[in-house]
């Protein structure tokens, strides 16, 4: 099992630098979660502090799906499995 200490220190430093109140991370290897940890709190609003973040904390996904979808589409294009010049109905009836 890897020593996650350095990664955890980098996460905490990055959170502080970016004013990120909370963060959850899971690492998967061969379809098995080998590391899962929560950092910080669900919110920090003035004097109010939310709940501690755990690996089970649910976050609102917001607009993160747009870049994820774009990345997935372009990977399919690069692999030759999708043609951007074809109508969407070619792939999704």
Foldseek 3Di string as FASTA:
>chain_A
DDDCVVVVVVVVVVCVVVVPQKDWDWDDDPNHTPDIAIQHFPDDDPPDTHHGDGSPDDDDPPPVVVVVVVVVQVVCVVVVNDDPVDDPVVPPD
